[in-house]
Amino acid sequence: MKCKHFRIGAVTTALILSSSSLFAADTGSVVTTQQKTDTSAQVSQKKIDQYSDKTQQMFADYKATLRQLDSMRVYNNQVERMVSKQEDELASLHRQIEQIDQTSMEVVPLMLKMVDALDEFIALDLPFQQKERTQRIASLRELMDSPDVTTSEKFRKVMDAYQIEESFSRTIESYKASLKRDGQTVTYDFLRLGRVALLYQSPDGDETGMWNKQTHTWETLPESYRASVQEGIRIAKKQAPPALIKLPIYTGETSL
């Protein structure tokens, strides 16, 4: 009987040891599995974090793009308004250019007539400063033919010439010039009194004369006018104060 009991105990002990071995094996397997699961979870979490970061960056980029689109839309609207305004201004400039062209077509013939009229006036006027005045007319004619000068500048030059001629009516002056007398060219002192009288006198005072408006010739004056003309020349040169002097003046058919 004792011998049989021993065998059962041995079998029980063997079963217990076997169960312990199996339990230890199962426990190790569970630990390994858990470790793998934890590692896999960490990897998954890392990927999730990366995806989250990328998603947030993409969302931030998206919002930035929306802001840029809004800014571009506002800018484009402003540019469209500017372009529209510039087109209106361009159309206005075209209209003004057409008007200027039309004005030029009307003004240019007028200026040419003004130059011709001034030339005729100088030819009929007292023959003072002839070289200067005829040169001014020649310069105006050359200016009229210049394509590099604007119409406004041409008109300004013509008006300047008219103003210069007009000023001669309100001034007196004395200057030196030459006349042909008895086949000889002689230099005289000239005295111009506005456009009323033009007189001359030789430097030595021996010869005094004036321009006759009726005959359009130079004629010699009596000796009695010698001192008056000489004094008038000194006054015009500002070498003497203004004073009353007796000078011959043609009025109509007579001279005073």
C-alpha atoms as a PDB file:
ATOM      1  CA  MET A   1       0.000   0.000   0.000  1.00  0.00           C
ATOM      2  CA  LYS A   2       2.783   2.443   0.822  1.00  0.00           C
ATOM      3  CA  CYS A   3       4.443   1.729  -2.439  1.00  0.00           C
ATOM      4  CA  LYS A   4       1.313   2.836  -4.399  1.00  0.00           C
ATOM      5  CA  HIS A   5       1.029   6.111  -2.383  1.00  0.00           C
ATOM      6  CA  PHE A   6       4.532   7.078  -3.327  1.00  0.00           C
ATOM      7  CA  ARG A   7       3.771   6.732  -6.939  1.00  0.00           C
ATOM      8  CA  ILE A   8       0.726   9.035  -6.747  1.00  0.00           C
ATOM      9  CA  GLY A   9       2.746  11.718  -4.949  1.00  0.00           C
ATOM     10  CA  ALA A  10       5.438  11.500  -7.535  1.00  0.00           C
ATOM     11  CA  VAL A  11       2.910  11.867 -10.264  1.00  0.00           C
ATOM     12  CA  THR A  12       1.355  14.876  -8.471  1.00  0.00           C
ATOM     13  CA  THR A  13       4.735  16.490  -8.022  1.00  0.00           C
ATOM     14  CA  ALA A  14       5.500  15.930 -11.674  1.00  0.00           C
ATOM     15  CA  LEU A  15       2.199  17.518 -12.659  1.00  0.00           C
ATOM     16  CA  ILE A  16       2.833  20.499 -10.402  1.00  0.00           C
ATOM     17  CA  LEU A  17       6.295  21.030 -11.902  1.00  0.00           C
ATOM     18  CA  SER A  18       4.899  20.620 -15.342  1.00  0.00           C
ATOM     19  CA  SER A  19       2.143  23.190 -14.631  1.00  0.00           C
ATOM     20  CA  SER A  20       4.737  25.628 -13.240  1.00  0.00           C
ATOM     21  CA  SER A  21       6.801  25.279 -16.384  1.00  0.00           C
ATOM     22  CA  LEU A  22       3.759  25.864 -18.538  1.00  0.00           C
ATOM     23  CA  PHE A  23       2.756  28.930 -16.453  1.00  0.00           C
ATOM     24  CA  ALA A  24       6.229  30.371 -16.682  1.00  0.00           C
ATOM     25  CA  ALA A  25       6.197  29.838 -20.423  1.00  0.00           C
ATOM     26  CA  ASP A  26       2.779  31.507 -20.747  1.00  0.00           C
ATOM     27  CA  THR A  27       3.874  34.441 -18.573  1.00  0.00           C
ATOM     28  CA  GLY A  28       6.943  35.044 -20.739  1.00  0.00           C
ATOM     29  CA  SER A  29       4.861  34.911 -23.851  1.00  0.00           C
ATOM     30  CA  VAL A  30       2.418  37.430 -22.409  1.00  0.00           C
ATOM     31  CA  VAL A  31       5.224  39.785 -21.394  1.00  0.00           C
ATOM     32  CA  THR A  32       6.770  39.577 -24.829  1.00  0.00           C
ATOM     33  CA  THR A  33       3.433  40.207 -26.466  1.00  0.00           C
ATOM     34  CA  GLN A  34       2.801  43.178 -24.188  1.00  0.00           C
ATOM     35  CA  GLN A  35       6.202  44.617 -24.993  1.00  0.00           C
ATOM     36  CA  LYS A  36       5.518  44.275 -28.700  1.00  0.00           C
ATOM     37  CA  THR A  37       2.135  45.871 -28.228  1.00  0.00           C
ATOM     38  CA  ASP A  38       3.656  48.772 -26.297  1.00  0.00           C
ATOM     39  CA  THR A  39       6.325  49.252 -28.934  1.00  0.00           C
ATOM     40  CA  SER A  40       3.721  49.144 -31.688  1.00  0.00           C
ATOM     41  CA  ALA A  41       1.583  51.642 -29.771  1.00  0.00           C
ATOM     42  CA  GLN A  42       4.540  53.997 -29.376  1.00  0.00           C
ATOM     43  CA  VAL A  43       5.269  53.789 -33.097  1.00  0.00           C
ATOM     44  CA  SER A  44       1.608  54.401 -33.880  1.00  0.00           C
ATOM     45  CA  GLN A  45       1.467  57.336 -31.476  1.00  0.00           C
ATOM     46  CA  LYS A  46       4.577  58.816 -33.044  1.00  0.00           C
ATOM     47  CA  LYS A  47       3.020  58.543 -36.483  1.00  0.00           C
ATOM     48  CA  ILE A  48      -0.195  60.070 -35.174  1.00  0.00           C
ATOM     49  CA  ASP A  49       1.790  62.954 -33.683  1.00  0.00           C
ATOM     50  CA  GLN A  50       3.591  63.460 -36.984  1.00  0.00           C
ATOM     51  CA  TYR A  51       0.318  63.401 -38.909  1.00  0.00           C
ATOM     52  CA  SER A  52      -1.155  65.855 -36.419  1.00  0.00           C
ATOM     53  CA  ASP A  53       1.784  68.228 -36.848  1.00  0.00           C
ATOM     54  CA  LYS A  54       1.508  67.987 -40.615  1.00  0.00           C
ATOM     55  CA  THR A  55      -2.252  68.542 -40.441  1.00  0.00           C
ATOM     56  CA  GLN A  56      -1.798  71.649 -38.280  1.00  0.00           C
ATOM     57  CA  GLN A  57       0.896  72.975 -40.638  1.00  0.00           C
ATOM     58  CA  MET A  58      -1.319  72.338 -43.645  1.00  0.00           C
ATOM     59  CA  PHE A  59      -4.205  74.098 -41.915  1.00  0.00           C
ATOM     60  CA  ALA A  60      -1.965  77.055 -41.082  1.00  0.00           C
ATOM     61  CA  ASP A  61      -0.799  77.154 -44.719  1.00  0.00           C
ATOM     62  CA  TYR A  62      -4.416  76.993 -45.851  1.00  0.00           C
ATOM     63  CA  LYS A  63      -5.384  79.963 -43.675  1.00  0.00           C
ATOM     64  CA  ALA A  64      -2.342  81.891 -44.904  1.00  0.00           C
ATOM     65  CA  THR A  65      -3.364  81.131 -48.498  1.00  0.00           C
ATOM     66  CA  LEU A  66      -6.873  82.388 -47.797  1.00  0.00           C
ATOM     67  CA  ARG A  67      -5.443  85.631 -46.415  1.00  0.00           C
ATOM     68  CA  GLN A  68      -3.264  86.012 -49.506  1.00  0.00           C
ATOM     69  CA  LEU A  69      -6.285  85.416 -51.727  1.00  0.00           C
ATOM     70  CA  ASP A  70      -8.233  88.102 -49.867  1.00  0.00           C
ATOM     71  CA  SER A  71      -5.315  90.507 -50.209  1.00  0.00           C
ATOM     72  CA  MET A  72      -4.946  89.710 -53.912  1.00  0.00           C
ATOM     73  CA  ARG A  73      -8.669  90.185 -54.432  1.00  0.00           C
ATOM     74  CA  VAL A  74      -8.572  93.607 -52.768  1.00  0.00           C
ATOM     75  CA  TYR A  75      -5.425  94.535 -54.722  1.00  0.00           C
ATOM     76  CA  ASN A  76      -6.920  93.369 -58.028  1.00  0.00           C
ATOM     77  CA  ASN A  77     -10.046  95.415 -57.393  1.00  0.00           C
ATOM     78  CA  GLN A  78      -7.909  98.468 -56.701  1.00  0.00           C
ATOM     79  CA  VAL A  79      -5.835  97.858 -59.830  1.00  0.00           C
ATOM     80  CA  GLU A  80      -9.005  97.512 -61.898  1.00  0.00           C
ATOM     81  CA  ARG A  81     -10.214 100.889 -60.613  1.00  0.00           C
ATOM     82  CA  MET A  82      -6.817 102.452 -61.346  1.00  0.00           C
ATOM     83  CA  VAL A  83      -6.749 100.976 -64.848  1.00  0.00           C
ATOM     84  CA  SER A  84     -10.277 102.212 -65.479  1.00  0.00           C
ATOM     85  CA  LYS A  85      -9.318 105.713 -64.335  1.00  0.00           C
ATOM     86  CA  GLN A  86      -6.162 105.666 -66.468  1.00  0.00           C
ATOM     87  CA  GLU A  87      -8.198 104.595 -69.485  1.00  0.00           C
ATOM     88  CA  ASP A  88     -10.532 107.550 -68.878  1.00  0.00           C
ATOM     89  CA  GLU A  89      -7.555 109.909 -68.595  1.00  0.00           C
ATOM     90  CA  LEU A  90      -6.026 108.438 -71.750  1.00  0.00           C
ATOM     91  CA  ALA A  91      -9.269 108.973 -73.625  1.00  0.00           C
ATOM     92  CA  SER A  92      -9.346 112.552 -72.331  1.00  0.00           C
ATOM     93  CA  LEU A  93      -5.764 113.110 -73.509  1.00  0.00           C
ATOM     94  CA  HIS A  94      -6.639 111.794 -76.954  1.00  0.00           C
ATOM     95  CA  ARG A  95      -9.538 114.245 -77.109  1.00  0.00           C
ATOM     96  CA  GLN A  96      -7.256 117.087 -76.004  1.00  0.00           C
ATOM     97  CA  ILE A  97      -4.657 116.118 -78.602  1.00  0.00           C
ATOM     98  CA  GLU A  98      -7.323 116.163 -81.285  1.00  0.00           C
ATOM     99  CA  GLN A  99      -8.385 119.607 -80.076  1.00  0.00           C
ATOM    100  CA  ILE A 100      -4.760 120.779 -80.064  1.00  0.00           C
ATOM    101  CA  ASP A 101      -4.307 119.506 -83.600  1.00  0.00           C
ATOM    102  CA  GLN A 102      -7.440 121.365 -84.632  1.00  0.00           C
ATOM    103  CA  THR A 103      -6.248 124.486 -82.819  1.00  0.00           C
ATOM    104  CA  SER A 104      -2.844 124.220 -84.492  1.00  0.00           C
ATOM    105  CA  MET A 105      -4.523 124.046 -87.882  1.00  0.00           C
ATOM    106  CA  GLU A 106      -6.237 127.322 -87.082  1.00  0.00           C
ATOM    107  CA  VAL A 107      -3.396 129.069 -85.215  1.00  0.00           C
ATOM    108  CA  VAL A 108      -0.536 128.358 -87.640  1.00  0.00           C
ATOM    109  CA  PRO A 109      -2.105 130.263 -90.584  1.00  0.00           C
ATOM    110  CA  LEU A 110      -2.909 133.097 -88.187  1.00  0.00           C
ATOM    111  CA  MET A 111       0.721 133.294 -87.036  1.00  0.00           C
ATOM    112  CA  LEU A 112       1.977 133.326 -90.618  1.00  0.00           C
ATOM    113  CA  LYS A 113      -0.364 136.218 -91.382  1.00  0.00           C
ATOM    114  CA  MET A 114       0.861 138.020 -88.262  1.00  0.00           C
ATOM    115  CA  VAL A 115       4.496 137.653 -89.354  1.00  0.00           C
ATOM    116  CA  ASP A 116       3.664 138.945 -92.844  1.00  0.00           C
ATOM    117  CA  ALA A 117       1.746 141.884 -91.361  1.00  0.00           C
ATOM    118  CA  LEU A 118       4.645 142.740 -89.066  1.00  0.00           C
ATOM    119  CA  ASP A 119       7.063 142.577 -91.971  1.00  0.00           C
ATOM    120  CA  GLU A 120       4.897 144.969 -94.008  1.00  0.00           C
ATOM    121  CA  PHE A 121       4.529 147.295 -91.037  1.00  0.00           C
ATOM    122  CA  ILE A 122       8.298 147.516 -90.544  1.00  0.00           C
ATOM    123  CA  ALA A 123       8.769 148.256 -94.249  1.00  0.00           C
ATOM    124  CA  LEU A 124       6.319 151.177 -94.018  1.00  0.00           C
ATOM    125  CA  ASP A 125       7.501 152.385 -90.608  1.00  0.00           C
ATOM    126  CA  LEU A 126      10.307 154.804 -89.784  1.00  0.00           C
ATOM    127  CA  PRO A 127      13.567 153.186 -90.933  1.00  0.00           C
ATOM    128  CA  PHE A 128      15.202 152.822 -87.523  1.00  0.00           C
ATOM    129  CA  GLN A 129      17.193 149.795 -86.342  1.00  0.00           C
ATOM    130  CA  GLN A 130      16.532 148.232 -89.739  1.00  0.00           C
ATOM    131  CA  LYS A 131      19.068 145.416 -89.446  1.00  0.00           C
ATOM    132  CA  GLU A 132      17.826 144.293 -86.030  1.00  0.00           C
ATOM    133  CA  ARG A 133      14.167 144.421 -86.969  1.00  0.00           C
ATOM    134  CA  THR A 134      14.481 142.670 -90.328  1.00  0.00           C
ATOM    135  CA  GLN A 135      16.612 139.987 -88.694  1.00  0.00           C
ATOM    136  CA  ARG A 136      13.840 139.437 -86.152  1.00  0.00           C
ATOM    137  CA  ILE A 137      11.351 138.851 -88.968  1.00  0.00           C
ATOM    138  CA  ALA A 138      13.734 136.423 -90.682  1.00  0.00           C
ATOM    139  CA  SER A 139      14.144 134.502 -87.434  1.00  0.00           C
ATOM    140  CA  LEU A 140      10.365 134.266 -87.055  1.00  0.00           C
ATOM    141  CA  ARG A 141       9.960 132.871 -90.548  1.00  0.00           C
ATOM    142  CA  GLU A 142      12.642 130.295 -89.882  1.00  0.00           C
ATOM    143  CA  LEU A 143      10.953 129.421 -86.601  1.00  0.00           C
ATOM    144  CA  MET A 144       7.607 128.882 -88.331  1.00  0.00           C
ATOM    145  CA  ASP A 145       9.193 126.180 -90.514  1.00  0.00           C
ATOM    146  CA  SER A 146      10.891 124.366 -87.620  1.00  0.00           C
ATOM    147  CA  PRO A 147       9.280 120.996 -86.744  1.00  0.00           C
ATOM    148  CA  ASP A 148      11.091 120.866 -83.399  1.00  0.00           C
ATOM    149  CA  VAL A 149       9.329 123.916 -81.932  1.00  0.00           C
ATOM    150  CA  THR A 150       5.853 123.651 -80.449  1.00  0.00           C
ATOM    151  CA  THR A 151       2.991 125.772 -81.698  1.00  0.00           C
ATOM    152  CA  SER A 152       2.711 127.495 -78.339  1.00  0.00           C
ATOM    153  CA  GLU A 153       6.389 128.479 -78.423  1.00  0.00           C
ATOM    154  CA  LYS A 154       6.051 129.823 -81.957  1.00  0.00           C
ATOM    155  CA  PHE A 155       3.048 131.890 -80.912  1.00  0.00           C
ATOM    156  CA  ARG A 156       4.965 133.227 -77.896  1.00  0.00           C
ATOM    157  CA  LYS A 157       7.849 134.351 -80.132  1.00  0.00           C
ATOM    158  CA  VAL A 158       5.467 136.118 -82.509  1.00  0.00           C
ATOM    159  CA  MET A 159       3.812 137.936 -79.618  1.00  0.00           C
ATOM    160  CA  ASP A 160       7.230 138.911 -78.225  1.00  0.00           C
ATOM    161  CA  ALA A 161       8.087 140.491 -81.584  1.00  0.00           C
ATOM    162  CA  TYR A 162       4.813 142.439 -81.554  1.00  0.00           C
ATOM    163  CA  GLN A 163       5.460 143.657 -78.012  1.00  0.00           C
ATOM    164  CA  ILE A 164       8.957 144.834 -78.976  1.00  0.00           C
ATOM    165  CA  GLU A 165       7.571 146.782 -81.914  1.00  0.00           C
ATOM    166  CA  GLU A 166       4.816 148.233 -79.756  1.00  0.00           C
ATOM    167  CA  SER A 167       7.351 149.427 -77.178  1.00  0.00           C
ATOM    168  CA  PHE A 168       9.070 151.592 -79.808  1.00  0.00           C
ATOM    169  CA  SER A 169       6.005 153.843 -79.816  1.00  0.00           C
ATOM    170  CA  ARG A 170       6.538 154.743 -76.157  1.00  0.00           C
ATOM    171  CA  THR A 171      10.307 155.274 -76.024  1.00  0.00           C
ATOM    172  CA  ILE A 172      13.051 157.512 -77.291  1.00  0.00           C
ATOM    173  CA  GLU A 173      16.529 156.345 -78.159  1.00  0.00           C
ATOM    174  CA  SER A 174      19.797 157.370 -79.715  1.00  0.00           C
ATOM    175  CA  TYR A 175      22.044 155.053 -81.690  1.00  0.00           C
ATOM    176  CA  LYS A 176      24.722 155.132 -84.387  1.00  0.00           C
ATOM    177  CA  ALA A 177      24.088 153.930 -87.939  1.00  0.00           C
ATOM    178  CA  SER A 178      25.326 154.579 -91.456  1.00  0.00           C
ATOM    179  CA  LEU A 179      23.647 156.370 -94.342  1.00  0.00           C
ATOM    180  CA  LYS A 180      24.657 156.782 -97.959  1.00  0.00           C
ATOM    181  CA  ARG A 181      24.971 160.464 -98.675  1.00  0.00           C
ATOM    182  CA  ASP A 182      26.216 161.776-102.036  1.00  0.00           C
ATOM    183  CA  GLY A 183      27.608 158.353-102.955  1.00  0.00           C
ATOM    184  CA  GLN A 184      29.424 157.927 -99.642  1.00  0.00           C
ATOM    185  CA  THR A 185      28.581 155.875 -96.539  1.00  0.00           C
ATOM    186  CA  VAL A 186      28.623 158.151 -93.506  1.00  0.00           C
ATOM    187  CA  THR A 187      28.036 157.260 -89.828  1.00  0.00           C
ATOM    188  CA  TYR A 188      25.560 159.481 -87.970  1.00  0.00           C
ATOM    189  CA  ASP A 189      24.014 159.780 -84.532  1.00  0.00           C
ATOM    190  CA  PHE A 190      20.289 159.027 -84.792  1.00  0.00           C
ATOM    191  CA  LEU A 191      17.507 160.264 -82.536  1.00  0.00           C
ATOM    192  CA  ARG A 192      14.175 158.461 -82.496  1.00  0.00           C
ATOM    193  CA  LEU A 193      11.165 160.034 -80.775  1.00  0.00           C
ATOM    194  CA  GLY A 194       8.706 157.158 -80.488  1.00  0.00           C
ATOM    195  CA  ARG A 195       7.286 156.777 -83.977  1.00  0.00           C
ATOM    196  CA  VAL A 196       6.786 160.497 -84.349  1.00  0.00           C
ATOM    197  CA  ALA A 197      10.183 161.539 -85.695  1.00  0.00           C
ATOM    198  CA  LEU A 198      13.521 160.078 -86.714  1.00  0.00           C
ATOM    199  CA  LEU A 199      16.404 162.512 -86.953  1.00  0.00           C
ATOM    200  CA  TYR A 200      20.139 162.273 -87.555  1.00  0.00           C
ATOM    201  CA  GLN A 201      23.209 164.419 -86.997  1.00  0.00           C
ATOM    202  CA  SER A 202      26.819 164.063 -88.020  1.00  0.00           C
ATOM    203  CA  PRO A 203      29.338 163.590 -85.168  1.00  0.00           C
ATOM    204  CA  ASP A 204      30.748 167.083 -85.801  1.00  0.00           C
ATOM    205  CA  GLY A 205      27.252 168.604 -85.831  1.00  0.00           C
ATOM    206  CA  ASP A 206      27.689 170.123 -89.268  1.00  0.00           C
ATOM    207  CA  GLU A 207      24.828 168.149 -90.810  1.00  0.00           C
ATOM    208  CA  THR A 208      21.389 167.614 -89.307  1.00  0.00           C
ATOM    209  CA  GLY A 209      18.435 165.950 -90.988  1.00  0.00           C
ATOM    210  CA  MET A 210      15.345 163.780 -90.598  1.00  0.00           C
ATOM    211  CA  TRP A 211      13.202 161.147 -92.298  1.00  0.00           C
ATOM    212  CA  ASN A 212      10.397 162.638 -94.375  1.00  0.00           C
ATOM    213  CA  LYS A 213       7.302 160.404 -93.959  1.00  0.00           C
ATOM    214  CA  GLN A 214       5.613 161.863 -97.023  1.00  0.00           C
ATOM    215  CA  THR A 215       8.468 161.339 -99.472  1.00  0.00           C
ATOM    216  CA  HIS A 216      10.114 158.419 -97.643  1.00  0.00           C
ATOM    217  CA  THR A 217      13.492 160.083 -98.045  1.00  0.00           C
ATOM    218  CA  TRP A 218      16.126 161.670 -95.839  1.00  0.00           C
ATOM    219  CA  GLU A 219      16.257 165.441 -95.989  1.00  0.00           C
ATOM    220  CA  THR A 220      18.557 168.028 -94.474  1.00  0.00           C
ATOM    221  CA  LEU A 221      17.219 170.381 -91.781  1.00  0.00           C
ATOM    222  CA  PRO A 222      18.044 174.037 -91.339  1.00  0.00           C
ATOM    223  CA  GLU A 223      20.927 174.997 -89.059  1.00  0.00           C
ATOM    224  CA  SER A 224      18.387 176.268 -86.503  1.00  0.00           C
ATOM    225  CA  TYR A 225      17.618 172.662 -85.492  1.00  0.00           C
ATOM    226  CA  ARG A 226      21.246 171.733 -84.873  1.00  0.00           C
ATOM    227  CA  ALA A 227      21.306 172.537 -81.128  1.00  0.00           C
ATOM    228  CA  SER A 228      17.852 171.012 -80.464  1.00  0.00           C
ATOM    229  CA  VAL A 229      18.724 167.699 -82.128  1.00  0.00           C
ATOM    230  CA  GLN A 230      22.049 167.638 -80.339  1.00  0.00           C
ATOM    231  CA  GLU A 231      20.301 168.185 -76.990  1.00  0.00           C
ATOM    232  CA  GLY A 232      17.724 165.511 -77.830  1.00  0.00           C
ATOM    233  CA  ILE A 233      20.509 163.010 -78.495  1.00  0.00           C
ATOM    234  CA  ARG A 234      22.083 163.816 -75.126  1.00  0.00           C
ATOM    235  CA  ILE A 235      18.714 163.362 -73.374  1.00  0.00           C
ATOM    236  CA  ALA A 236      18.114 160.007 -75.112  1.00  0.00           C
ATOM    237  CA  LYS A 237      21.575 158.857 -73.996  1.00  0.00           C
ATOM    238  CA  LYS A 238      20.717 160.047 -70.453  1.00  0.00           C
ATOM    239  CA  GLN A 239      23.590 162.485 -70.593  1.00  0.00           C
ATOM    240  CA  ALA A 240      21.213 165.368 -69.875  1.00  0.00           C
ATOM    241  CA  PRO A 241      17.958 165.694 -67.895  1.00  0.00           C
ATOM    242  CA  PRO A 242      14.627 165.748 -69.770  1.00  0.00           C
ATOM    243  CA  ALA A 243      13.795 169.163 -71.144  1.00  0.00           C
ATOM    244  CA  LEU A 244      11.543 170.854 -73.667  1.00  0.00           C
ATOM    245  CA  ILE A 245      13.207 171.087 -77.058  1.00  0.00           C
ATOM    246  CA  LYS A 246      12.001 172.267 -80.462  1.00  0.00           C
ATOM    247  CA  LEU A 247      12.126 169.571 -83.124  1.00  0.00           C
ATOM    248  CA  PRO A 248      10.454 169.273 -86.533  1.00  0.00           C
ATOM    249  CA  ILE A 249       7.525 166.827 -86.648  1.00  0.00           C
ATOM    250  CA  TYR A 250       5.562 165.892 -89.755  1.00  0.00           C
ATOM    251  CA  THR A 251       1.796 165.987 -89.270  1.00  0.00           C
ATOM    252  CA  GLY A 252      -0.145 165.365 -92.433  1.00  0.00           C
ATOM    253  CA  GLU A 253       1.232 167.438 -95.235  1.00  0.00           C
ATOM    254  CA  THR A 254       3.170 169.929 -93.125  1.00  0.00           C
ATOM    255  CA  SER A 255       5.995 169.865 -90.646  1.00  0.00           C
ATOM    256  CA  LEU A 256       6.113 171.803 -87.425  1.00  0.00           C
END
